[in-house]
PDB file of N, CA and C in Angstrom:
ATOM      1  N   UNK A   1       0.821  -1.183   0.000  1.00  0.00           N
ATOM      2  CA  UNK A   1       0.000   0.000   0.000  1.00  0.00           C
ATOM      3  C   UNK A   1       0.872   1.257   0.000  1.00  0.00           C
ATOM      4  N   UNK A   2       2.062   1.125  -0.396  1.00  0.00           N
ATOM      5  CA  UNK A   2       2.984   2.244  -0.414  1.00  0.00           C
ATOM      6  C   UNK A   2       2.508   3.310  -1.392  1.00  0.00           C
ATOM      7  N   UNK A   3       2.563   4.576  -0.980  1.00  0.00           N
ATOM      8  CA  UNK A   3       2.119   5.657  -1.844  1.00  0.00           C
ATOM      9  C   UNK A   3       0.620   5.653  -2.055  1.00  0.00           C
ATOM     10  N   UNK A   4      -0.098   5.165  -1.094  1.00  0.00           N
ATOM     11  CA  UNK A   4      -1.539   5.003  -1.217  1.00  0.00           C
ATOM     12  C   UNK A   4      -2.267   6.335  -1.359  1.00  0.00           C
ATOM     13  N   UNK A   5      -3.393   6.296  -2.046  1.00  0.00           N
ATOM     14  CA  UNK A   5      -4.260   7.465  -2.187  1.00  0.00           C
ATOM     15  C   UNK A   5      -4.919   7.843  -0.863  1.00  0.00           C
ATOM     16  N   UNK A   6      -4.813   7.003   0.136  1.00  0.00           N
ATOM     17  CA  UNK A   6      -5.451   7.257   1.421  1.00  0.00           C
ATOM     18  C   UNK A   6      -4.562   8.030   2.394  1.00  0.00           C
ATOM     19  N   UNK A   7      -3.285   8.077   2.125  1.00  0.00           N
ATOM     20  CA  UNK A   7      -2.378   8.776   3.035  1.00  0.00           C
ATOM     21  C   UNK A   7      -2.782  10.233   3.162  1.00  0.00           C
ATOM     22  N   UNK A   8      -2.824  10.716   4.394  1.00  0.00           N
ATOM     23  CA  UNK A   8      -3.197  12.097   4.655  1.00  0.00           C
ATOM     24  C   UNK A   8      -4.681  12.300   4.910  1.00  0.00           C
ATOM     25  N   UNK A   9      -5.483  11.259   4.721  1.00  0.00           N
ATOM     26  CA  UNK A   9      -6.911  11.336   5.025  1.00  0.00           C
ATOM     27  C   UNK A   9      -7.154  10.820   6.441  1.00  0.00           C
ATOM     28  N   UNK A  10      -8.289  11.152   6.985  1.00  0.00           N
ATOM     29  CA  UNK A  10      -8.695  10.698   8.315  1.00  0.00           C
ATOM     30  C   UNK A  10      -9.775   9.639   8.176  1.00  0.00           C
ATOM     31  N   UNK A  11      -9.769   8.664   9.079  1.00  0.00           N
ATOM     32  CA  UNK A  11     -10.840   7.668   9.184  1.00  0.00           C
ATOM     33  C   UNK A  11     -11.343   7.684  10.624  1.00  0.00           C
ATOM     34  N   UNK A  12     -12.507   7.121  10.831  1.00  0.00           N
ATOM     35  CA  UNK A  12     -13.059   6.971  12.182  1.00  0.00           C
ATOM     36  C   UNK A  12     -13.038   5.487  12.519  1.00  0.00           C
ATOM     37  N   UNK A  13     -12.311   5.138  13.559  1.00  0.00           N
ATOM     38  CA  UNK A  13     -12.271   3.751  14.009  1.00  0.00           C
ATOM     39  C   UNK A  13     -13.419   3.501  14.971  1.00  0.00           C
ATOM     40  N   UNK A  14     -14.109   2.384  14.776  1.00  0.00           N
ATOM     41  CA  UNK A  14     -15.221   1.990  15.641  1.00  0.00           C
ATOM     42  C   UNK A  14     -15.002   0.546  16.085  1.00  0.00           C
ATOM     43  N   UNK A  15     -15.595   0.198  17.205  1.00  0.00           N
ATOM     44  CA  UNK A  15     -15.467  -1.156  17.734  1.00  0.00           C
ATOM     45  C   UNK A  15     -16.364  -2.115  16.950  1.00  0.00           C
ATOM     46  N   UNK A  16     -15.771  -3.240  16.567  1.00  0.00           N
ATOM     47  CA  UNK A  16     -16.541  -4.286  15.884  1.00  0.00           C
ATOM     48  C   UNK A  16     -15.915  -5.628  16.228  1.00  0.00           C
ATOM     49  N   UNK A  17     -16.670  -6.467  16.888  1.00  0.00           N
ATOM     50  CA  UNK A  17     -16.203  -7.792  17.280  1.00  0.00           C
ATOM     51  C   UNK A  17     -14.884  -7.739  18.046  1.00  0.00           C
ATOM     52  N   UNK A  18     -14.745  -6.780  18.944  1.00  0.00           N
ATOM     53  CA  UNK A  18     -13.548  -6.678  19.762  1.00  0.00           C
ATOM     54  C   UNK A  18     -12.360  -6.007  19.088  1.00  0.00           C
ATOM     55  N   UNK A  19     -12.519  -5.587  17.855  1.00  0.00           N
ATOM     56  CA  UNK A  19     -11.447  -4.904  17.127  1.00  0.00           C
ATOM     57  C   UNK A  19     -11.869  -3.489  16.792  1.00  0.00           C
ATOM     58  N   UNK A  20     -10.903  -2.641  16.492  1.00  0.00           N
ATOM     59  CA  UNK A  20     -11.172  -1.289  15.993  1.00  0.00           C
ATOM     60  C   UNK A  20     -11.036  -1.331  14.480  1.00  0.00           C
ATOM     61  N   UNK A  21     -12.117  -0.990  13.772  1.00  0.00           N
ATOM     62  CA  UNK A  21     -12.119  -1.001  12.309  1.00  0.00           C
ATOM     63  C   UNK A  21     -12.622   0.342  11.796  1.00  0.00           C
ATOM     64  N   UNK A  22     -12.228   0.719  10.583  1.00  0.00           N
ATOM     65  CA  UNK A  22     -12.710   1.984  10.021  1.00  0.00           C
ATOM     66  C   UNK A  22     -14.220   1.949   9.778  1.00  0.00           C
ATOM     67  N   UNK A  23     -14.855   3.084   9.983  1.00  0.00           N
ATOM     68  CA  UNK A  23     -16.287   3.235   9.722  1.00  0.00           C
ATOM     69  C   UNK A  23     -16.522   3.146   8.217  1.00  0.00           C
ATOM     70  N   UNK A  24     -17.511   2.368   7.837  1.00  0.00           N
ATOM     71  CA  UNK A  24     -17.827   2.164   6.426  1.00  0.00           C
ATOM     72  C   UNK A  24     -19.307   2.408   6.179  1.00  0.00           C
ATOM     73  N   UNK A  25     -19.657   2.518   4.913  1.00  0.00           N
ATOM     74  CA  UNK A  25     -21.049   2.748   4.534  1.00  0.00           C
ATOM     75  C   UNK A  25     -21.425   1.815   3.396  1.00  0.00           C
ATOM     76  N   UNK A  26     -22.663   1.384   3.402  1.00  0.00           N
ATOM     77  CA  UNK A  26     -23.194   0.569   2.301  1.00  0.00           C
ATOM     78  C   UNK A  26     -23.922   1.485   1.336  1.00  0.00           C
ATOM     79  N   UNK A  27     -23.672   1.305   0.064  1.00  0.00           N
ATOM     80  CA  UNK A  27     -24.368   2.057  -0.989  1.00  0.00           C
ATOM     81  C   UNK A  27     -24.529   1.126  -2.172  1.00  0.00           C
ATOM     82  N   UNK A  28     -25.774   0.920  -2.588  1.00  0.00           N
ATOM     83  CA  UNK A  28     -26.012  -0.031  -3.674  1.00  0.00           C
ATOM     84  C   UNK A  28     -25.558  -1.408  -3.254  1.00  0.00           C
ATOM     85  N   UNK A  29     -24.742  -2.041  -4.089  1.00  0.00           N
ATOM     86  CA  UNK A  29     -24.217  -3.369  -3.778  1.00  0.00           C
ATOM     87  C   UNK A  29     -22.814  -3.312  -3.192  1.00  0.00           C
ATOM     88  N   UNK A  30     -22.318  -2.116  -2.882  1.00  0.00           N
ATOM     89  CA  UNK A  30     -20.938  -1.991  -2.432  1.00  0.00           C
ATOM     90  C   UNK A  30     -20.800  -1.458  -1.020  1.00  0.00           C
ATOM     91  N   UNK A  31     -19.627  -1.678  -0.475  1.00  0.00           N
ATOM     92  CA  UNK A  31     -19.249  -1.138   0.827  1.00  0.00           C
ATOM     93  C   UNK A  31     -18.124  -0.145   0.593  1.00  0.00           C
ATOM     94  N   UNK A  32     -18.240   1.038   1.214  1.00  0.00           N
ATOM     95  CA  UNK A  32     -17.286   2.114   0.994  1.00  0.00           C
ATOM     96  C   UNK A  32     -16.659   2.554   2.312  1.00  0.00           C
ATOM     97  N   UNK A  33     -15.387   2.853   2.259  1.00  0.00           N
ATOM     98  CA  UNK A  33     -14.692   3.427   3.396  1.00  0.00           C
ATOM     99  C   UNK A  33     -15.073   4.897   3.489  1.00  0.00           C
ATOM    100  N   UNK A  34     -15.395   5.364   4.693  1.00  0.00           N
ATOM    101  CA  UNK A  34     -15.653   6.791   4.910  1.00  0.00           C
ATOM    102  C   UNK A  34     -14.341   7.430   5.338  1.00  0.00           C
ATOM    103  N   UNK A  35     -13.859   8.379   4.558  1.00  0.00           N
ATOM    104  CA  UNK A  35     -12.601   9.067   4.852  1.00  0.00           C
ATOM    105  C   UNK A  35     -12.850  10.573   4.808  1.00  0.00           C
ATOM    106  N   UNK A  36     -11.971  11.307   5.470  1.00  0.00           N
ATOM    107  CA  UNK A  36     -12.174  12.745   5.625  1.00  0.00           C
ATOM    108  C   UNK A  36     -10.860  13.478   5.403  1.00  0.00           C
ATOM    109  N   UNK A  37     -10.960  14.681   4.836  1.00  0.00           N
ATOM    110  CA  UNK A  37      -9.757  15.482   4.582  1.00  0.00           C
ATOM    111  C   UNK A  37      -9.189  16.104   5.852  1.00  0.00           C
ATOM    112  N   UNK A  38     -10.037  16.321   6.857  1.00  0.00           N
ATOM    113  CA  UNK A  38      -9.570  16.913   8.118  1.00  0.00           C
ATOM    114  C   UNK A  38     -10.135  16.151   9.304  1.00  0.00           C
ATOM    115  N   UNK A  39      -9.444  16.267  10.426  1.00  0.00           N
ATOM    116  CA  UNK A  39      -9.952  15.681  11.655  1.00  0.00           C
ATOM    117  C   UNK A  39     -11.248  16.338  12.092  1.00  0.00           C
ATOM    118  N   UNK A  40     -11.400  17.622  11.772  1.00  0.00           N
ATOM    119  CA  UNK A  40     -12.630  18.342  12.113  1.00  0.00           C
ATOM    120  C   UNK A  40     -13.843  17.709  11.436  1.00  0.00           C
ATOM    121  N   UNK A  41     -13.747  17.411  10.132  1.00  0.00           N
ATOM    122  CA  UNK A  41     -14.901  16.822   9.432  1.00  0.00           C
ATOM    123  C   UNK A  41     -15.181  15.408   9.925  1.00  0.00           C
ATOM    124  N   UNK A  42     -14.134  14.689  10.324  1.00  0.00           N
ATOM    125  CA  UNK A  42     -14.342  13.356  10.897  1.00  0.00           C
ATOM    126  C   UNK A  42     -15.095  13.462  12.218  1.00  0.00           C
ATOM    127  N   UNK A  43     -14.664  14.387  13.079  1.00  0.00           N
ATOM    128  CA  UNK A  43     -15.345  14.574  14.364  1.00  0.00           C
ATOM    129  C   UNK A  43     -16.779  15.064  14.178  1.00  0.00           C
ATOM    130  N   UNK A  44     -17.006  15.887  13.168  1.00  0.00           N
ATOM    131  CA  UNK A  44     -18.352  16.396  12.888  1.00  0.00           C
ATOM    132  C   UNK A  44     -19.302  15.235  12.587  1.00  0.00           C
ATOM    133  N   UNK A  45     -18.845  14.278  11.789  1.00  0.00           N
ATOM    134  CA  UNK A  45     -19.695  13.121  11.500  1.00  0.00           C
ATOM    135  C   UNK A  45     -19.969  12.336  12.778  1.00  0.00           C
ATOM    136  N   UNK A  46     -18.975  12.216  13.641  1.00  0.00           N
ATOM    137  CA  UNK A  46     -19.182  11.492  14.895  1.00  0.00           C
ATOM    138  C   UNK A  46     -20.275  12.153  15.726  1.00  0.00           C
ATOM    139  N   UNK A  47     -20.289  13.475  15.766  1.00  0.00           N
ATOM    140  CA  UNK A  47     -21.310  14.208  16.527  1.00  0.00           C
ATOM    141  C   UNK A  47     -22.671  14.093  15.838  1.00  0.00           C
ATOM    142  N   UNK A  48     -22.695  14.299  14.516  1.00  0.00           N
ATOM    143  CA  UNK A  48     -23.951  14.247  13.765  1.00  0.00           C
ATOM    144  C   UNK A  48     -24.589  12.867  13.815  1.00  0.00           C
ATOM    145  N   UNK A  49     -23.793  11.827  13.764  1.00  0.00           N
ATOM    146  CA  UNK A  49     -24.296  10.449  13.741  1.00  0.00           C
ATOM    147  C   UNK A  49     -24.261   9.789  15.107  1.00  0.00           C
ATOM    148  N   UNK A  50     -23.820  10.511  16.119  1.00  0.00           N
ATOM    149  CA  UNK A  50     -23.695  10.013  17.483  1.00  0.00           C
ATOM    150  C   UNK A  50     -22.903   8.702  17.507  1.00  0.00           C
ATOM    151  N   UNK A  51     -21.708   8.776  16.987  1.00  0.00           N
ATOM    152  CA  UNK A  51     -20.785   7.641  17.024  1.00  0.00           C
ATOM    153  C   UNK A  51     -19.984   7.781  18.315  1.00  0.00           C
ATOM    154  N   UNK A  52     -20.524   7.229  19.397  1.00  0.00           N
ATOM    155  CA  UNK A  52     -19.948   7.465  20.716  1.00  0.00           C
ATOM    156  C   UNK A  52     -18.610   6.763  20.925  1.00  0.00           C
ATOM    157  N   UNK A  53     -18.403   5.643  20.272  1.00  0.00           N
ATOM    158  CA  UNK A  53     -17.157   4.912  20.479  1.00  0.00           C
ATOM    159  C   UNK A  53     -16.146   5.171  19.361  1.00  0.00           C
ATOM    160  N   UNK A  54     -16.392   6.181  18.537  1.00  0.00           N
ATOM    161  CA  UNK A  54     -15.514   6.477  17.414  1.00  0.00           C
ATOM    162  C   UNK A  54     -14.218   7.132  17.844  1.00  0.00           C
ATOM    163  N   UNK A  55     -13.189   6.894  17.028  1.00  0.00           N
ATOM    164  CA  UNK A  55     -11.862   7.437  17.301  1.00  0.00           C
ATOM    165  C   UNK A  55     -11.241   7.887  15.975  1.00  0.00           C
ATOM    166  N   UNK A  56     -11.152   9.204  15.723  1.00  0.00           N
ATOM    167  CA  UNK A  56     -10.559   9.677  14.473  1.00  0.00           C
ATOM    168  C   UNK A  56      -9.064   9.364  14.427  1.00  0.00           C
ATOM    169  N   UNK A  57      -8.592   8.911  13.275  1.00  0.00           N
ATOM    170  CA  UNK A  57      -7.176   8.606  13.094  1.00  0.00           C
ATOM    171  C   UNK A  57      -6.711   9.086  11.734  1.00  0.00           C
ATOM    172  N   UNK A  58      -5.550   9.703  11.709  1.00  0.00           N
ATOM    173  CA  UNK A  58      -4.924  10.154  10.474  1.00  0.00           C
ATOM    174  C   UNK A  58      -4.186   8.982   9.842  1.00  0.00           C
ATOM    175  N   UNK A  59      -4.375   8.777   8.551  1.00  0.00           N
ATOM    176  CA  UNK A  59      -3.704   7.692   7.834  1.00  0.00           C
ATOM    177  C   UNK A  59      -2.333   8.192   7.364  1.00  0.00           C
ATOM    178  N   UNK A  60      -1.301   7.518   7.825  1.00  0.00           N
ATOM    179  CA  UNK A  60       0.067   7.833   7.450  1.00  0.00           C
ATOM    180  C   UNK A  60       0.719   6.591   6.853  1.00  0.00           C
ATOM    181  N   UNK A  61       1.845   6.769   6.227  1.00  0.00           N
ATOM    182  CA  UNK A  61       2.539   5.653   5.594  1.00  0.00           C
ATOM    183  C   UNK A  61       2.817   4.522   6.582  1.00  0.00           C
ATOM    184  N   UNK A  62       3.210   4.874   7.806  1.00  0.00           N
ATOM    185  CA  UNK A  62       3.587   3.843   8.773  1.00  0.00           C
ATOM    186  C   UNK A  62       2.395   3.152   9.443  1.00  0.00           C
ATOM    187  N   UNK A  63       1.185   3.706   9.368  1.00  0.00           N
ATOM    188  CA  UNK A  63       0.051   3.055  10.035  1.00  0.00           C
ATOM    189  C   UNK A  63      -1.043   2.596   9.077  1.00  0.00           C
ATOM    190  N   UNK A  64      -0.844   2.739   7.795  1.00  0.00           N
ATOM    191  CA  UNK A  64      -1.922   2.420   6.846  1.00  0.00           C
ATOM    192  C   UNK A  64      -2.296   0.938   6.880  1.00  0.00           C
ATOM    193  N   UNK A  65      -1.322   0.054   6.978  1.00  0.00           N
ATOM    194  CA  UNK A  65      -1.635  -1.379   7.003  1.00  0.00           C
ATOM    195  C   UNK A  65      -2.436  -1.734   8.251  1.00  0.00           C
ATOM    196  N   UNK A  66      -2.092  -1.111   9.369  1.00  0.00           N
ATOM    197  CA  UNK A  66      -2.800  -1.360  10.626  1.00  0.00           C
ATOM    198  C   UNK A  66      -4.234  -0.836  10.566  1.00  0.00           C
ATOM    199  N   UNK A  67      -4.425   0.362  10.028  1.00  0.00           N
ATOM    200  CA  UNK A  67      -5.752   0.984  10.024  1.00  0.00           C
ATOM    201  C   UNK A  67      -6.660   0.458   8.919  1.00  0.00           C
ATOM    202  N   UNK A  68      -6.118   0.210   7.750  1.00  0.00           N
ATOM    203  CA  UNK A  68      -6.945  -0.118   6.592  1.00  0.00           C
ATOM    204  C   UNK A  68      -6.874  -1.588   6.202  1.00  0.00           C
ATOM    205  N   UNK A  69      -5.954  -2.324   6.743  1.00  0.00           N
ATOM    206  CA  UNK A  69      -5.807  -3.736   6.386  1.00  0.00           C
ATOM    207  C   UNK A  69      -7.101  -4.520   6.491  1.00  0.00           C
ATOM    208  N   UNK A  70      -7.844  -4.334   7.566  1.00  0.00           N
ATOM    209  CA  UNK A  70      -9.117  -5.016   7.769  1.00  0.00           C
ATOM    210  C   UNK A  70     -10.114  -4.644   6.672  1.00  0.00           C
ATOM    211  N   UNK A  71     -10.113  -3.388   6.267  1.00  0.00           N
ATOM    212  CA  UNK A  71     -11.046  -2.926   5.241  1.00  0.00           C
ATOM    213  C   UNK A  71     -10.771  -3.577   3.899  1.00  0.00           C
ATOM    214  N   UNK A  72      -9.503  -3.692   3.555  1.00  0.00           N
ATOM    215  CA  UNK A  72      -9.161  -4.286   2.264  1.00  0.00           C
ATOM    216  C   UNK A  72      -9.609  -5.732   2.175  1.00  0.00           C
ATOM    217  N   UNK A  73      -9.546  -6.433   3.299  1.00  0.00           N
ATOM    218  CA  UNK A  73      -9.997  -7.825   3.333  1.00  0.00           C
ATOM    219  C   UNK A  73     -11.475  -7.897   2.984  1.00  0.00           C
ATOM    220  N   UNK A  74     -12.227  -6.893   3.342  1.00  0.00           N
ATOM    221  CA  UNK A  74     -13.670  -6.889   3.111  1.00  0.00           C
ATOM    222  C   UNK A  74     -14.046  -6.433   1.704  1.00  0.00           C
ATOM    223  N   UNK A  75     -13.071  -6.275   0.811  1.00  0.00           N
ATOM    224  CA  UNK A  75     -13.311  -5.927  -0.596  1.00  0.00           C
ATOM    225  C   UNK A  75     -14.165  -4.670  -0.768  1.00  0.00           C
ATOM    226  N   UNK A  76     -13.602  -3.570  -0.383  1.00  0.00           N
ATOM    227  CA  UNK A  76     -14.307  -2.297  -0.524  1.00  0.00           C
ATOM    228  C   UNK A  76     -14.505  -1.922  -1.982  1.00  0.00           C
ATOM    229  N   UNK A  77     -15.619  -1.281  -2.251  1.00  0.00           N
ATOM    230  CA  UNK A  77     -15.897  -0.794  -3.601  1.00  0.00           C
ATOM    231  C   UNK A  77     -15.169   0.522  -3.862  1.00  0.00           C
ATOM    232  N   UNK A  78     -14.844   1.273  -2.793  1.00  0.00           N
ATOM    233  CA  UNK A  78     -14.170   2.554  -2.962  1.00  0.00           C
ATOM    234  C   UNK A  78     -14.184   3.364  -1.683  1.00  0.00           C
ATOM    235  N   UNK A  79     -13.982   4.667  -1.835  1.00  0.00           N
ATOM    236  CA  UNK A  79     -13.888   5.584  -0.703  1.00  0.00           C
ATOM    237  C   UNK A  79     -14.838   6.750  -0.917  1.00  0.00           C
ATOM    238  N   UNK A  80     -15.577   7.117   0.110  1.00  0.00           N
ATOM    239  CA  UNK A  80     -16.386   8.330   0.097  1.00  0.00           C
ATOM    240  C   UNK A  80     -15.682   9.341   0.990  1.00  0.00           C
ATOM    241  N   UNK A  81     -15.357  10.499   0.435  1.00  0.00           N
ATOM    242  CA  UNK A  81     -14.592  11.498   1.170  1.00  0.00           C
ATOM    243  C   UNK A  81     -15.496  12.638   1.624  1.00  0.00           C
ATOM    244  N   UNK A  82     -15.359  12.976   2.891  1.00  0.00           N
ATOM    245  CA  UNK A  82     -16.088  14.077   3.528  1.00  0.00           C
ATOM    246  C   UNK A  82     -17.601  13.902   3.460  1.00  0.00           C
ATOM    247  N   UNK A  83     -18.070  12.750   3.903  1.00  0.00           N
ATOM    248  CA  UNK A  83     -19.509  12.499   3.978  1.00  0.00           C
ATOM    249  C   UNK A  83     -20.130  13.396   5.036  1.00  0.00           C
ATOM    250  N   UNK A  84     -21.251  13.995   4.714  1.00  0.00           N
ATOM    251  CA  UNK A  84     -21.987  14.867   5.633  1.00  0.00           C
ATOM    252  C   UNK A  84     -23.327  14.202   5.947  1.00  0.00           C
ATOM    253  N   UNK A  85     -23.505  13.791   7.192  1.00  0.00           N
ATOM    254  CA  UNK A  85     -24.722  13.079   7.589  1.00  0.00           C
ATOM    255  C   UNK A  85     -25.963  13.957   7.524  1.00  0.00           C
ATOM    256  N   UNK A  86     -25.805  15.266   7.726  1.00  0.00           N
ATOM    257  CA  UNK A  86     -26.970  16.152   7.709  1.00  0.00           C
ATOM    258  C   UNK A  86     -27.548  16.304   6.304  1.00  0.00           C
ATOM    259  N   UNK A  87     -26.686  16.360   5.292  1.00  0.00           N
ATOM    260  CA  UNK A  87     -27.172  16.520   3.916  1.00  0.00           C
ATOM    261  C   UNK A  87     -27.208  15.199   3.157  1.00  0.00           C
ATOM    262  N   UNK A  88     -26.624  14.158   3.749  1.00  0.00           N
ATOM    263  CA  UNK A  88     -26.515  12.842   3.120  1.00  0.00           C
ATOM    264  C   UNK A  88     -25.750  12.920   1.793  1.00  0.00           C
ATOM    265  N   UNK A  89     -24.728  13.776   1.759  1.00  0.00           N
ATOM    266  CA  UNK A  89     -23.899  13.941   0.564  1.00  0.00           C
ATOM    267  C   UNK A  89     -22.432  13.818   0.930  1.00  0.00           C
ATOM    268  N   UNK A  90     -21.604  13.553  -0.059  1.00  0.00           N
ATOM    269  CA  UNK A  90     -20.170  13.493   0.140  1.00  0.00           C
ATOM    270  C   UNK A  90     -19.495  14.379  -0.908  1.00  0.00           C
ATOM    271  N   UNK A  91     -18.301  14.820  -0.588  1.00  0.00           N
ATOM    272  CA  UNK A  91     -17.596  15.748  -1.470  1.00  0.00           C
ATOM    273  C   UNK A  91     -16.983  15.035  -2.665  1.00  0.00           C
ATOM    274  N   UNK A  92     -16.505  13.824  -2.462  1.00  0.00           N
ATOM    275  CA  UNK A  92     -15.770  13.134  -3.515  1.00  0.00           C
ATOM    276  C   UNK A  92     -15.870  11.632  -3.297  1.00  0.00           C
ATOM    277  N   UNK A  93     -15.809  10.881  -4.373  1.00  0.00           N
ATOM    278  CA  UNK A  93     -15.767   9.419  -4.284  1.00  0.00           C
ATOM    279  C   UNK A  93     -14.640   8.933  -5.180  1.00  0.00           C
ATOM    280  N   UNK A  94     -14.052   7.828  -4.803  1.00  0.00           N
ATOM    281  CA  UNK A  94     -12.970   7.326  -5.631  1.00  0.00           C
ATOM    282  C   UNK A  94     -12.608   5.901  -5.280  1.00  0.00           C
ATOM    283  N   UNK A  95     -11.685   5.384  -6.055  1.00  0.00           N
ATOM    284  CA  UNK A  95     -11.143   4.049  -5.841  1.00  0.00           C
ATOM    285  C   UNK A  95      -9.901   4.163  -4.978  1.00  0.00           C
ATOM    286  N   UNK A  96      -9.538   3.086  -4.323  1.00  0.00           N
ATOM    287  CA  UNK A  96      -8.316   3.083  -3.538  1.00  0.00           C
ATOM    288  C   UNK A  96      -7.189   2.530  -4.377  1.00  0.00           C
ATOM    289  N   UNK A  97      -6.011   3.111  -4.247  1.00  0.00           N
ATOM    290  CA  UNK A  97      -4.815   2.550  -4.879  1.00  0.00           C
ATOM    291  C   UNK A  97      -3.631   2.715  -3.976  1.00  0.00           C
TER     292      UNK A  97
END
C-alpha cells in the first residue's frame, strides 16, 4: 500500500467484534470506506451520527496497514470522502490505490 491514495486522510475507528475497524457505509451493492480530509470533518460526522465509540485517526505511511488492512480484506468498492450526515452527501468518491 505504499504511496496510497489514502495517506493524509482521516478515518473513524469503531469497535466491531472486539477490534477497531474503520467506519464504512453501504451504498447499492458496495461497501465504501468513509474518509475525511480533516480531523474536524471526521469529528463532525461522529457528533452528527452520534458515534460514541468512534476514534478519528490520520492515515500515514507507517500506520496504513494497521488501520486499513481489515477494510481491504472486506473488498471495498471505494472511498467516500467528507460524507456529511446532515445533507446525506459526500464531497468526492474514488477508488483506492
